[in-house]
Amino acid sequence: MKPTALQIVALSLALGAFSFTGCRSIKPAAIKPTTVEVAQDGSAKFTTVQEAIMSVPIGTPTNPVIIHIKPGTYHELIYVQREKRFFRLVGDDADKTIITYGLYANMTNLDGKPIGTFRTPTAIIDAEDFVAENITFENSAGPKGQALAIRVDGDRAAFRNCRFLGWQDTIFINRGRDYFENCYVEGATDFIFGGATAWFQDCHIHCAGNGYITAASTPYDVRYGYVFDHCALTGATNVQSYLGRPWRVYASTIYLNTEISDAIKPTGWDAWGKADPAKTRYAEFNSTGAGANPAARPKWTRQLTAPEAAKITVKNVLGREDGWEPLQ
């Protein structure tokens, strides 16, 4: 019988396939996860994801928390608060395990005032050492302005085989470091934005409407912002979008070995009216496809050499002082 996603994660933890910061000296046999199940149909202890999250106060390196979410569409807001480290949300299939809500910035609160962009996320991840697998995070508001599917404030967050669906501001990676592997991200305007350092590996980025894929706000003293490696960029019919524009002037975004469709404009990048766009850190290496057009890119962006690109690795981008290794 084929093992479930929960069984795979538990086995991987037991074999030491997942590494946590500060846990390299822990023997695999010492890792004993706490597992919780969620099912809309009442077949598990909890019927909502947030109830399950709140049922366990904290995870640790030796006692990580695995919340198995059975297939279903969960209409709810979720919040993984700061102290809930080492939490994992695990679905069986991202197409069938969906967490969705529809808040948008211009909705009014009880005082009749707009709630604003940063109160719209369907999911807020404030804890460090968070992992999500095989789950869809969606903001269903559509083209109504800023409407976040997820906001990540914690450090060392990893997402594997997940989908992120929205229109404007789908993913807000505010700070810290994030790793996305084999994920699908959809939106139109600035739909990956924020000041975090993030690596996107083998991801499918889809432009649902005209706009901008990224709007990084990388701090001036942080070497890397967003890196897309071996990703695919596509778009809806007749869509024309940009690779990115700088939310802050030192924005850093790099595309490596990425297949770029004709949904991306020949110029590729937009300065967003910045007085000195040369301060932005935009680069590509080995872009392919109809949207790969080095000659048409702005002079203030760069085409990397092979030696330069070779130095841009997951370890060099995400490792920093603690040596975080999300690939393990």
C-alpha atoms as a PDB file:
ATOM      1  CA  MET A   1       0.000   0.000   0.000  1.00  0.00           C
ATOM      2  CA  LYS A   2       1.333   3.453  -0.931  1.00  0.00           C
ATOM      3  CA  PRO A   3       2.420   5.436   2.171  1.00  0.00           C
ATOM      4  CA  THR A   4       0.586   8.637   3.015  1.00  0.00           C
ATOM      5  CA  ALA A   5       2.288  12.038   3.057  1.00  0.00           C
ATOM      6  CA  LEU A   6       2.196  11.963   6.861  1.00  0.00           C
ATOM      7  CA  GLN A   7       3.943   8.578   6.960  1.00  0.00           C
ATOM      8  CA  ILE A   8       6.601   9.810   4.542  1.00  0.00           C
ATOM      9  CA  VAL A   9       7.325  12.877   6.671  1.00  0.00           C
ATOM     10  CA  ALA A  10       7.450  10.831   9.885  1.00  0.00           C
ATOM     11  CA  LEU A  11       9.822   8.318   8.271  1.00  0.00           C
ATOM     12  CA  SER A  12      12.037  11.085   6.930  1.00  0.00           C
ATOM     13  CA  LEU A  13      12.281  12.647  10.362  1.00  0.00           C
ATOM     14  CA  ALA A  14      13.186   9.293  11.858  1.00  0.00           C
ATOM     15  CA  LEU A  15      15.921   8.765   9.264  1.00  0.00           C
ATOM     16  CA  GLY A  16      17.261  12.265   9.734  1.00  0.00           C
ATOM     17  CA  ALA A  17      16.366  13.484   6.243  1.00  0.00           C
ATOM     18  CA  PHE A  18      15.155  16.843   7.541  1.00  0.00           C
ATOM     19  CA  SER A  19      17.633  19.137   9.270  1.00  0.00           C
ATOM     20  CA  PHE A  20      16.764  21.899  11.670  1.00  0.00           C
ATOM     21  CA  THR A  21      19.006  24.728  12.776  1.00  0.00           C
ATOM     22  CA  GLY A  22      21.060  23.701  15.763  1.00  0.00           C
ATOM     23  CA  CYS A  23      20.002  20.031  15.452  1.00  0.00           C
ATOM     24  CA  ARG A  24      22.941  18.458  13.656  1.00  0.00           C
ATOM     25  CA  SER A  25      24.162  16.715  16.804  1.00  0.00           C
ATOM     26  CA  ILE A  26      20.770  15.153  17.544  1.00  0.00           C
ATOM     27  CA  LYS A  27      20.554  11.445  16.796  1.00  0.00           C
ATOM     28  CA  PRO A  28      17.654  10.480  14.484  1.00  0.00           C
ATOM     29  CA  ALA A  29      16.235   8.094  17.090  1.00  0.00           C
ATOM     30  CA  ALA A  30      15.848  11.035  19.469  1.00  0.00           C
ATOM     31  CA  ILE A  31      13.447  12.855  17.121  1.00  0.00           C
ATOM     32  CA  LYS A  32       9.900  12.007  18.172  1.00  0.00           C
ATOM     33  CA  PRO A  33       7.298  14.128  16.348  1.00  0.00           C
ATOM     34  CA  THR A  34       3.892  15.057  17.718  1.00  0.00           C
ATOM     35  CA  THR A  35       1.285  14.359  15.032  1.00  0.00           C
ATOM     36  CA  VAL A  36      -2.147  15.948  14.750  1.00  0.00           C
ATOM     37  CA  GLU A  37      -4.805  15.352  12.084  1.00  0.00           C
ATOM     38  CA  VAL A  38      -7.382  17.683  10.552  1.00  0.00           C
ATOM     39  CA  ALA A  39     -10.376  16.578   8.485  1.00  0.00           C
ATOM     40  CA  GLN A  40     -13.429  18.546   7.433  1.00  0.00           C
ATOM     41  CA  ASP A  41     -15.609  15.460   7.474  1.00  0.00           C
ATOM     42  CA  GLY A  42     -15.125  14.901  11.200  1.00  0.00           C
ATOM     43  CA  SER A  43     -12.955  11.800  10.799  1.00  0.00           C
ATOM     44  CA  ALA A  44     -10.122  13.446  12.753  1.00  0.00           C
ATOM     45  CA  LYS A  45      -9.964  15.224  16.092  1.00  0.00           C
ATOM     46  CA  PHE A  46     -10.000  18.668  14.458  1.00  0.00           C
ATOM     47  CA  THR A  47     -12.093  20.038  11.625  1.00  0.00           C
ATOM     48  CA  THR A  48     -10.153  23.290  11.120  1.00  0.00           C
ATOM     49  CA  VAL A  49      -6.451  23.880  10.587  1.00  0.00           C
ATOM     50  CA  GLN A  50      -6.289  26.697  13.141  1.00  0.00           C
ATOM     51  CA  GLU A  51      -7.762  24.507  15.871  1.00  0.00           C
ATOM     52  CA  ALA A  52      -5.018  21.973  15.220  1.00  0.00           C
ATOM     53  CA  ILE A  53      -2.305  24.645  15.263  1.00  0.00           C
ATOM     54  CA  MET A  54      -3.540  25.980  18.596  1.00  0.00           C
ATOM     55  CA  SER A  55      -3.726  22.510  20.153  1.00  0.00           C
ATOM     56  CA  VAL A  56       0.068  22.241  20.509  1.00  0.00           C
ATOM     57  CA  PRO A  57       1.878  25.133  22.234  1.00  0.00           C
ATOM     58  CA  ILE A  58       5.358  24.674  20.780  1.00  0.00           C
ATOM     59  CA  GLY A  59       7.594  22.387  18.775  1.00  0.00           C
ATOM     60  CA  THR A  60      11.261  21.640  19.409  1.00  0.00           C
ATOM     61  CA  PRO A  61      14.104  20.093  17.409  1.00  0.00           C
ATOM     62  CA  THR A  62      13.512  16.723  19.066  1.00  0.00           C
ATOM     63  CA  ASN A  63       9.731  17.059  19.158  1.00  0.00           C
ATOM     64  CA  PRO A  64       8.591  18.732  15.903  1.00  0.00           C
ATOM     65  CA  VAL A  65       4.870  19.104  15.292  1.00  0.00           C
ATOM     66  CA  ILE A  66       3.323  17.546  12.172  1.00  0.00           C
ATOM     67  CA  ILE A  67      -0.214  18.638  11.323  1.00  0.00           C
ATOM     68  CA  HIS A  68      -1.652  16.367   8.660  1.00  0.00           C
ATOM     69  CA  ILE A  69      -4.416  18.105   6.722  1.00  0.00           C
ATOM     70  CA  LYS A  70      -6.709  15.709   4.901  1.00  0.00           C
ATOM     71  CA  PRO A  71      -8.100  16.691   1.469  1.00  0.00           C
ATOM     72  CA  GLY A  72     -10.691  19.448   1.501  1.00  0.00           C
ATOM     73  CA  THR A  73     -11.223  23.166   0.987  1.00  0.00           C
ATOM     74  CA  TYR A  74     -10.681  24.917   4.312  1.00  0.00           C
ATOM     75  CA  HIS A  75     -12.306  28.368   4.351  1.00  0.00           C
ATOM     76  CA  GLU A  76     -10.380  29.910   7.206  1.00  0.00           C
ATOM     77  CA  LEU A  77      -7.598  32.231   8.263  1.00  0.00           C
ATOM     78  CA  ILE A  78      -4.568  30.585   9.816  1.00  0.00           C
ATOM     79  CA  TYR A  79      -1.879  32.028  12.050  1.00  0.00           C
ATOM     80  CA  VAL A  80       1.255  30.208  13.187  1.00  0.00           C
ATOM     81  CA  GLN A  81       2.379  32.411  16.033  1.00  0.00           C
ATOM     82  CA  ARG A  82       5.988  33.177  16.950  1.00  0.00           C
ATOM     83  CA  GLU A  83       6.486  30.565  19.662  1.00  0.00           C
ATOM     84  CA  LYS A  84       5.215  27.673  17.535  1.00  0.00           C
ATOM     85  CA  ARG A  85       8.586  26.741  16.047  1.00  0.00           C
ATOM     86  CA  PHE A  86       9.235  23.458  14.228  1.00  0.00           C
ATOM     87  CA  PHE A  87       5.656  23.165  12.937  1.00  0.00           C
ATOM     88  CA  ARG A  88       4.869  21.344   9.693  1.00  0.00           C
ATOM     89  CA  LEU A  89       1.607  21.537   7.757  1.00  0.00           C
ATOM     90  CA  VAL A  90       1.386  18.492   5.510  1.00  0.00           C
ATOM     91  CA  GLY A  91      -1.289  17.707   2.942  1.00  0.00           C
ATOM     92  CA  ASP A  92      -1.598  14.699   0.652  1.00  0.00           C
ATOM     93  CA  ASP A  93      -2.044  16.673  -2.581  1.00  0.00           C
ATOM     94  CA  ALA A  94      -1.879  20.443  -3.114  1.00  0.00           C
ATOM     95  CA  ASP A  95      -4.693  20.296  -5.690  1.00  0.00           C
ATOM     96  CA  LYS A  96      -7.012  18.729  -3.113  1.00  0.00           C
ATOM     97  CA  THR A  97      -5.854  20.379   0.118  1.00  0.00           C
ATOM     98  CA  ILE A  98      -6.745  24.077  -0.058  1.00  0.00           C
ATOM     99  CA  ILE A  99      -6.650  26.786   2.591  1.00  0.00           C
ATOM    100  CA  THR A 100      -8.530  29.801   1.252  1.00  0.00           C
ATOM    101  CA  TYR A 101     -10.050  33.121   2.245  1.00  0.00           C
ATOM    102  CA  GLY A 102     -10.924  36.348   0.453  1.00  0.00           C
ATOM    103  CA  LEU A 103      -9.871  39.446   2.373  1.00  0.00           C
ATOM    104  CA  TYR A 104      -8.621  42.447   0.378  1.00  0.00           C
ATOM    105  CA  ALA A 105      -7.137  45.821   1.332  1.00  0.00           C
ATOM    106  CA  ASN A 106     -10.143  48.009   0.551  1.00  0.00           C
ATOM    107  CA  MET A 107     -12.560  46.010   2.676  1.00  0.00           C
ATOM    108  CA  THR A 108     -13.765  48.090   5.588  1.00  0.00           C
ATOM    109  CA  ASN A 109     -13.538  47.244   9.267  1.00  0.00           C
ATOM    110  CA  LEU A 110     -16.094  48.011  11.967  1.00  0.00           C
ATOM    111  CA  ASP A 111     -14.975  51.654  11.958  1.00  0.00           C
ATOM    112  CA  GLY A 112     -15.657  51.910   8.241  1.00  0.00           C
ATOM    113  CA  LYS A 113     -11.962  52.208   7.396  1.00  0.00           C
ATOM    114  CA  PRO A 114     -10.044  50.001   4.919  1.00  0.00           C
ATOM    115  CA  ILE A 115      -8.306  47.082   6.598  1.00  0.00           C
ATOM    116  CA  GLY A 116      -5.144  47.646   4.535  1.00  0.00           C
ATOM    117  CA  THR A 117      -2.801  45.271   2.735  1.00  0.00           C
ATOM    118  CA  PHE A 118      -1.176  43.615   5.717  1.00  0.00           C
ATOM    119  CA  ARG A 119      -4.421  42.413   7.299  1.00  0.00           C
ATOM    120  CA  THR A 120      -5.449  40.432   4.242  1.00  0.00           C
ATOM    121  CA  PRO A 121      -3.310  37.234   4.379  1.00  0.00           C
ATOM    122  CA  THR A 122      -5.096  33.913   4.360  1.00  0.00           C
ATOM    123  CA  ALA A 123      -2.082  32.492   6.214  1.00  0.00           C
ATOM    124  CA  ILE A 124       0.410  34.267   8.472  1.00  0.00           C
ATOM    125  CA  ILE A 125       3.594  32.426   9.415  1.00  0.00           C
ATOM    126  CA  ASP A 126       5.309  34.232  12.271  1.00  0.00           C
ATOM    127  CA  ALA A 127       7.237  31.250  13.661  1.00  0.00           C
ATOM    128  CA  GLU A 128      10.711  30.141  12.670  1.00  0.00           C
ATOM    129  CA  ASP A 129      11.590  26.702  11.264  1.00  0.00           C
ATOM    130  CA  PHE A 130       8.222  26.254   9.559  1.00  0.00           C
ATOM    131  CA  VAL A 131       7.530  23.783   6.745  1.00  0.00           C
ATOM    132  CA  ALA A 132       4.505  23.319   4.474  1.00  0.00           C
ATOM    133  CA  GLU A 133       4.095  20.514   1.957  1.00  0.00           C
ATOM    134  CA  ASN A 134       1.408  19.586  -0.574  1.00  0.00           C
ATOM    135  CA  ILE A 135      -0.936  22.469   0.303  1.00  0.00           C
ATOM    136  CA  THR A 136      -2.610  25.301  -1.606  1.00  0.00           C
ATOM    137  CA  PHE A 137      -2.669  28.746   0.018  1.00  0.00           C
ATOM    138  CA  GLU A 138      -5.200  30.964  -1.740  1.00  0.00           C
ATOM    139  CA  ASN A 139      -6.605  34.446  -1.538  1.00  0.00           C
ATOM    140  CA  SER A 140      -9.834  34.233  -3.526  1.00  0.00           C
ATOM    141  CA  ALA A 141     -10.571  37.992  -3.680  1.00  0.00           C
ATOM    142  CA  GLY A 142      -9.474  38.286  -7.325  1.00  0.00           C
ATOM    143  CA  PRO A 143      -8.623  41.640  -8.989  1.00  0.00           C
ATOM    144  CA  LYS A 144      -9.747  43.864  -6.115  1.00  0.00           C
ATOM    145  CA  GLY A 145      -6.384  45.273  -5.099  1.00  0.00           C
ATOM    146  CA  GLN A 146      -3.902  43.960  -2.563  1.00  0.00           C
ATOM    147  CA  ALA A 147      -4.936  40.547  -1.271  1.00  0.00           C
ATOM    148  CA  LEU A 148      -2.323  38.253   0.249  1.00  0.00           C
ATOM    149  CA  ALA A 149      -2.465  34.470   0.160  1.00  0.00           C
ATOM    150  CA  ILE A 150       0.393  34.177   2.650  1.00  0.00           C
ATOM    151  CA  ARG A 151       2.650  36.361   4.773  1.00  0.00           C
ATOM    152  CA  VAL A 152       5.926  34.945   6.118  1.00  0.00           C
ATOM    153  CA  ASP A 153       7.697  36.778   8.931  1.00  0.00           C
ATOM    154  CA  GLY A 154       9.631  33.893  10.497  1.00  0.00           C
ATOM    155  CA  ASP A 155      13.134  32.789   9.505  1.00  0.00           C
ATOM    156  CA  ARG A 156      13.934  29.446   7.829  1.00  0.00           C
ATOM    157  CA  ALA A 157      10.567  28.667   6.224  1.00  0.00           C
ATOM    158  CA  ALA A 158      10.379  25.946   3.578  1.00  0.00           C
ATOM    159  CA  PHE A 159       7.565  25.172   1.131  1.00  0.00           C
ATOM    160  CA  ARG A 160       7.534  22.050  -1.033  1.00  0.00           C
ATOM    161  CA  ASN A 161       4.984  21.052  -3.646  1.00  0.00           C
ATOM    162  CA  CYS A 162       2.702  23.910  -2.633  1.00  0.00           C
ATOM    163  CA  ARG A 163       0.475  26.249  -4.649  1.00  0.00           C
ATOM    164  CA  PHE A 164       0.005  29.952  -3.974  1.00  0.00           C
ATOM    165  CA  LEU A 165      -2.982  31.548  -5.705  1.00  0.00           C
ATOM    166  CA  GLY A 166      -3.907  35.210  -5.806  1.00  0.00           C
ATOM    167  CA  TRP A 167      -3.915  38.322  -7.955  1.00  0.00           C
ATOM    168  CA  GLN A 168      -2.052  41.240  -6.341  1.00  0.00           C
ATOM    169  CA  ASP A 169       0.547  40.564  -3.619  1.00  0.00           C
ATOM    170  CA  THR A 170       0.002  36.793  -3.513  1.00  0.00           C
ATOM    171  CA  ILE A 171       3.155  36.023  -1.483  1.00  0.00           C
ATOM    172  CA  PHE A 172       4.551  38.485   1.054  1.00  0.00           C
ATOM    173  CA  ILE A 173       7.924  37.261   2.287  1.00  0.00           C
ATOM    174  CA  ASN A 174       8.639  40.032   4.728  1.00  0.00           C
ATOM    175  CA  ARG A 175      11.977  39.100   6.263  1.00  0.00           C
ATOM    176  CA  GLY A 176      14.216  36.162   7.064  1.00  0.00           C
ATOM    177  CA  ARG A 177      14.990  33.299   4.672  1.00  0.00           C
ATOM    178  CA  ASP A 178      12.584  31.154   2.666  1.00  0.00           C
ATOM    179  CA  TYR A 179      12.929  28.137   0.390  1.00  0.00           C
ATOM    180  CA  PHE A 180      10.341  27.159  -2.248  1.00  0.00           C
ATOM    181  CA  GLU A 181      10.701  23.894  -4.158  1.00  0.00           C
ATOM    182  CA  ASN A 182       8.464  22.587  -6.933  1.00  0.00           C
ATOM    183  CA  CYS A 183       5.813  25.183  -6.126  1.00  0.00           C
ATOM    184  CA  TYR A 184       3.232  26.925  -8.317  1.00  0.00           C
ATOM    185  CA  VAL A 185       2.758  30.674  -7.821  1.00  0.00           C
ATOM    186  CA  GLU A 186       0.022  32.649  -9.587  1.00  0.00           C
ATOM    187  CA  GLY A 187      -0.790  36.344  -9.619  1.00  0.00           C
ATOM    188  CA  ALA A 188      -0.661  39.552 -11.626  1.00  0.00           C
ATOM    189  CA  THR A 189       0.780  42.525  -9.738  1.00  0.00           C
ATOM    190  CA  ASP A 190       3.837  42.320  -7.460  1.00  0.00           C
ATOM    191  CA  PHE A 191       2.749  38.832  -6.579  1.00  0.00           C
ATOM    192  CA  ILE A 192       6.029  37.899  -4.907  1.00  0.00           C
ATOM    193  CA  PHE A 193       7.150  40.799  -2.732  1.00  0.00           C
ATOM    194  CA  GLY A 194       8.949  41.794   0.447  1.00  0.00           C
ATOM    195  CA  GLY A 195      12.396  42.091   2.022  1.00  0.00           C
ATOM    196  CA  ALA A 196      13.236  38.425   2.632  1.00  0.00           C
ATOM    197  CA  THR A 197      15.969  36.346   1.037  1.00  0.00           C
ATOM    198  CA  ALA A 198      14.273  33.525  -0.880  1.00  0.00           C
ATOM    199  CA  TRP A 199      15.272  30.680  -3.185  1.00  0.00           C
ATOM    200  CA  PHE A 200      12.760  29.300  -5.713  1.00  0.00           C
ATOM    201  CA  GLN A 201      13.802  25.914  -7.074  1.00  0.00           C
ATOM    202  CA  ASP A 202      12.001  24.271 -10.024  1.00  0.00           C
ATOM    203  CA  CYS A 203       8.939  26.453  -9.516  1.00  0.00           C
ATOM    204  CA  HIS A 204       6.218  27.406 -12.005  1.00  0.00           C
ATOM    205  CA  ILE A 205       5.443  31.126 -11.896  1.00  0.00           C
ATOM    206  CA  HIS A 206       2.244  32.060 -13.773  1.00  0.00           C
ATOM    207  CA  CYS A 207       1.169  35.595 -14.678  1.00  0.00           C
ATOM    208  CA  ALA A 208      -2.632  35.689 -14.540  1.00  0.00           C
ATOM    209  CA  GLY A 209      -2.760  39.316 -15.700  1.00  0.00           C
ATOM    210  CA  ASN A 210      -0.560  42.183 -16.814  1.00  0.00           C
ATOM    211  CA  GLY A 211       1.804  43.323 -14.110  1.00  0.00           C
ATOM    212  CA  TYR A 212       5.008  42.428 -12.301  1.00  0.00           C
ATOM    213  CA  ILE A 213       6.173  39.093 -10.901  1.00  0.00           C
ATOM    214  CA  THR A 214       8.406  40.472  -8.158  1.00  0.00           C
ATOM    215  CA  ALA A 215       8.629  43.594  -6.034  1.00  0.00           C
ATOM    216  CA  ALA A 216      11.602  42.971  -3.772  1.00  0.00           C
ATOM    217  CA  SER A 217      12.540  45.346  -0.973  1.00  0.00           C
ATOM    218  CA  THR A 218      15.921  43.810  -0.158  1.00  0.00           C
ATOM    219  CA  PRO A 219      17.844  45.815   2.482  1.00  0.00           C
ATOM    220  CA  TYR A 220      20.962  47.498   1.100  1.00  0.00           C
ATOM    221  CA  ASP A 221      23.275  45.481   3.390  1.00  0.00           C
ATOM    222  CA  VAL A 222      21.804  42.054   2.481  1.00  0.00           C
ATOM    223  CA  ARG A 223      23.621  40.420  -0.417  1.00  0.00           C
ATOM    224  CA  TYR A 224      20.769  38.403  -1.931  1.00  0.00           C
ATOM    225  CA  GLY A 225      17.043  38.923  -2.320  1.00  0.00           C
ATOM    226  CA  TYR A 226      15.182  36.477  -4.581  1.00  0.00           C
ATOM    227  CA  VAL A 227      16.820  33.742  -6.645  1.00  0.00           C
ATOM    228  CA  PHE A 228      14.819  31.688  -9.167  1.00  0.00           C
ATOM    229  CA  ASP A 229      16.668  28.584 -10.354  1.00  0.00           C
ATOM    230  CA  HIS A 230      15.415  26.305 -13.144  1.00  0.00           C
ATOM    231  CA  CYS A 231      11.968  27.818 -12.947  1.00  0.00           C
ATOM    232  CA  ALA A 232       9.343  28.313 -15.683  1.00  0.00           C
ATOM    233  CA  LEU A 233       7.563  31.628 -16.256  1.00  0.00           C
ATOM    234  CA  THR A 234       4.239  31.485 -18.111  1.00  0.00           C
ATOM    235  CA  GLY A 235       1.228  33.729 -18.607  1.00  0.00           C
ATOM    236  CA  ALA A 236      -2.422  33.765 -19.565  1.00  0.00           C
ATOM    237  CA  THR A 237      -3.354  34.584 -23.166  1.00  0.00           C
ATOM    238  CA  ASN A 238      -2.156  38.051 -24.285  1.00  0.00           C
ATOM    239  CA  VAL A 239      -0.622  38.835 -20.894  1.00  0.00           C
ATOM    240  CA  GLN A 240       2.467  41.050 -20.863  1.00  0.00           C
ATOM    241  CA  SER A 241       4.347  41.278 -17.593  1.00  0.00           C
ATOM    242  CA  TYR A 242       7.704  42.219 -16.127  1.00  0.00           C
ATOM    243  CA  LEU A 243      10.219  40.071 -14.263  1.00  0.00           C
ATOM    244  CA  GLY A 244      10.140  42.608 -11.492  1.00  0.00           C
ATOM    245  CA  ARG A 245      10.201  46.169 -10.215  1.00  0.00           C
ATOM    246  CA  PRO A 246      11.899  47.521  -7.078  1.00  0.00           C
ATOM    247  CA  TRP A 247       9.655  48.155  -4.097  1.00  0.00           C
ATOM    248  CA  ARG A 248      12.817  49.537  -2.491  1.00  0.00           C
ATOM    249  CA  VAL A 249      15.783  50.850  -4.449  1.00  0.00           C
ATOM    250  CA  TYR A 250      18.265  48.062  -3.535  1.00  0.00           C
ATOM    251  CA  ALA A 251      15.920  45.294  -4.648  1.00  0.00           C
ATOM    252  CA  SER A 252      17.785  42.094  -5.548  1.00  0.00           C
ATOM    253  CA  THR A 253      16.276  39.514  -7.933  1.00  0.00           C
ATOM    254  CA  ILE A 254      18.150  36.919  -9.995  1.00  0.00           C
ATOM    255  CA  TYR A 255      16.845  34.408 -12.540  1.00  0.00           C
ATOM    256  CA  LEU A 256      19.116  31.410 -13.217  1.00  0.00           C
ATOM    257  CA  ASN A 257      18.515  28.841 -15.968  1.00  0.00           C
ATOM    258  CA  THR A 258      14.883  29.903 -16.206  1.00  0.00           C
ATOM    259  CA  GLU A 259      12.520  29.295 -19.122  1.00  0.00           C
ATOM    260  CA  ILE A 260      10.765  32.569 -19.864  1.00  0.00           C
ATOM    261  CA  SER A 261       7.686  32.622 -22.096  1.00  0.00           C
ATOM    262  CA  ASP A 262       6.506  35.488 -24.298  1.00  0.00           C
ATOM    263  CA  ALA A 263       4.278  36.616 -21.406  1.00  0.00           C
ATOM    264  CA  ILE A 264       7.335  38.600 -20.268  1.00  0.00           C
ATOM    265  CA  LYS A 265       7.975  41.904 -22.039  1.00  0.00           C
ATOM    266  CA  PRO A 266      11.244  42.195 -24.000  1.00  0.00           C
ATOM    267  CA  THR A 267      12.575  44.839 -21.598  1.00  0.00           C
ATOM    268  CA  GLY A 268      11.996  42.412 -18.736  1.00  0.00           C
ATOM    269  CA  TRP A 269      12.445  44.857 -15.880  1.00  0.00           C
ATOM    270  CA  ASP A 270      10.764  48.092 -14.741  1.00  0.00           C
ATOM    271  CA  ALA A 271      12.417  50.853 -12.659  1.00  0.00           C
ATOM    272  CA  TRP A 272       9.156  51.881 -10.903  1.00  0.00           C
ATOM    273  CA  GLY A 273      10.186  55.519 -11.250  1.00  0.00           C
ATOM    274  CA  LYS A 274      13.290  55.133  -9.087  1.00  0.00           C
ATOM    275  CA  ALA A 275      15.724  58.023  -9.611  1.00  0.00           C
ATOM    276  CA  ASP A 276      18.748  55.720  -9.728  1.00  0.00           C
ATOM    277  CA  PRO A 277      17.685  52.263 -10.953  1.00  0.00           C
ATOM    278  CA  ALA A 278      21.349  51.248 -11.223  1.00  0.00           C
ATOM    279  CA  LYS A 279      21.255  50.687  -7.448  1.00  0.00           C
ATOM    280  CA  THR A 280      18.858  47.798  -7.991  1.00  0.00           C
ATOM    281  CA  ARG A 281      20.439  44.365  -8.252  1.00  0.00           C
ATOM    282  CA  TYR A 282      18.691  42.646 -11.134  1.00  0.00           C
ATOM    283  CA  ALA A 283      20.384  39.872 -13.072  1.00  0.00           C
ATOM    284  CA  GLU A 284      19.843  36.818 -15.275  1.00  0.00           C
ATOM    285  CA  PHE A 285      21.896  33.855 -16.372  1.00  0.00           C
ATOM    286  CA  ASN A 286      21.103  31.411 -19.150  1.00  0.00           C
ATOM    287  CA  SER A 287      17.490  32.499 -19.615  1.00  0.00           C
ATOM    288  CA  THR A 288      15.730  30.555 -22.373  1.00  0.00           C
ATOM    289  CA  GLY A 289      12.421  30.776 -24.229  1.00  0.00           C
ATOM    290  CA  ALA A 290      10.618  33.476 -26.194  1.00  0.00           C
ATOM    291  CA  GLY A 291      10.857  35.936 -23.305  1.00  0.00           C
ATOM    292  CA  ALA A 292      14.630  35.629 -22.954  1.00  0.00           C
ATOM    293  CA  ASN A 293      15.918  38.771 -24.649  1.00  0.00           C
ATOM    294  CA  PRO A 294      19.269  39.967 -23.222  1.00  0.00           C
ATOM    295  CA  ALA A 295      19.734  42.659 -25.871  1.00  0.00           C
ATOM    296  CA  ALA A 296      16.477  44.373 -24.911  1.00  0.00           C
ATOM    297  CA  ARG A 297      17.024  44.388 -21.148  1.00  0.00           C
ATOM    298  CA  PRO A 298      17.788  47.764 -19.479  1.00  0.00           C
ATOM    299  CA  LYS A 299      21.446  48.705 -19.179  1.00  0.00           C
ATOM    300  CA  TRP A 300      21.108  48.921 -15.393  1.00  0.00           C
ATOM    301  CA  THR A 301      20.460  45.140 -15.213  1.00  0.00           C
ATOM    302  CA  ARG A 302      23.089  42.436 -15.664  1.00  0.00           C
ATOM    303  CA  GLN A 303      23.666  39.220 -17.573  1.00  0.00           C
ATOM    304  CA  LEU A 304      25.856  37.101 -15.305  1.00  0.00           C
ATOM    305  CA  THR A 305      28.907  35.178 -16.460  1.00  0.00           C
ATOM    306  CA  ALA A 306      29.114  31.429 -15.831  1.00  0.00           C
ATOM    307  CA  PRO A 307      31.652  31.844 -12.984  1.00  0.00           C
ATOM    308  CA  GLU A 308      29.443  34.471 -11.337  1.00  0.00           C
ATOM    309  CA  ALA A 309      26.349  32.267 -11.624  1.00  0.00           C
ATOM    310  CA  ALA A 310      28.213  29.248 -10.230  1.00  0.00           C
ATOM    311  CA  LYS A 311      28.734  31.075  -6.945  1.00  0.00           C
ATOM    312  CA  ILE A 312      24.992  31.578  -6.478  1.00  0.00           C
ATOM    313  CA  THR A 313      24.008  28.410  -4.654  1.00  0.00           C
ATOM    314  CA  VAL A 314      21.408  27.540  -2.038  1.00  0.00           C
ATOM    315  CA  LYS A 315      24.165  27.271   0.551  1.00  0.00           C
ATOM    316  CA  ASN A 316      25.683  30.652  -0.299  1.00  0.00           C
ATOM    317  CA  VAL A 317      22.332  32.444  -0.504  1.00  0.00           C
ATOM    318  CA  LEU A 318      20.517  30.929   2.480  1.00  0.00           C
ATOM    319  CA  GLY A 319      23.268  29.550   4.730  1.00  0.00           C
ATOM    320  CA  ARG A 320      24.461  32.687   6.517  1.00  0.00           C
ATOM    321  CA  GLU A 321      25.878  32.307  10.040  1.00  0.00           C
ATOM    322  CA  ASP A 322      23.783  29.314  11.130  1.00  0.00           C
ATOM    323  CA  GLY A 323      24.440  27.269   7.984  1.00  0.00           C
ATOM    324  CA  TRP A 324      20.757  26.587   7.249  1.00  0.00           C
ATOM    325  CA  GLU A 325      20.476  23.778   4.692  1.00  0.00           C
ATOM    326  CA  PRO A 326      16.855  23.398   3.521  1.00  0.00           C
ATOM    327  CA  LEU A 327      17.868  20.754   0.959  1.00  0.00           C
ATOM    328  CA  GLN A 328      18.624  18.211   3.699  1.00  0.00           C
END
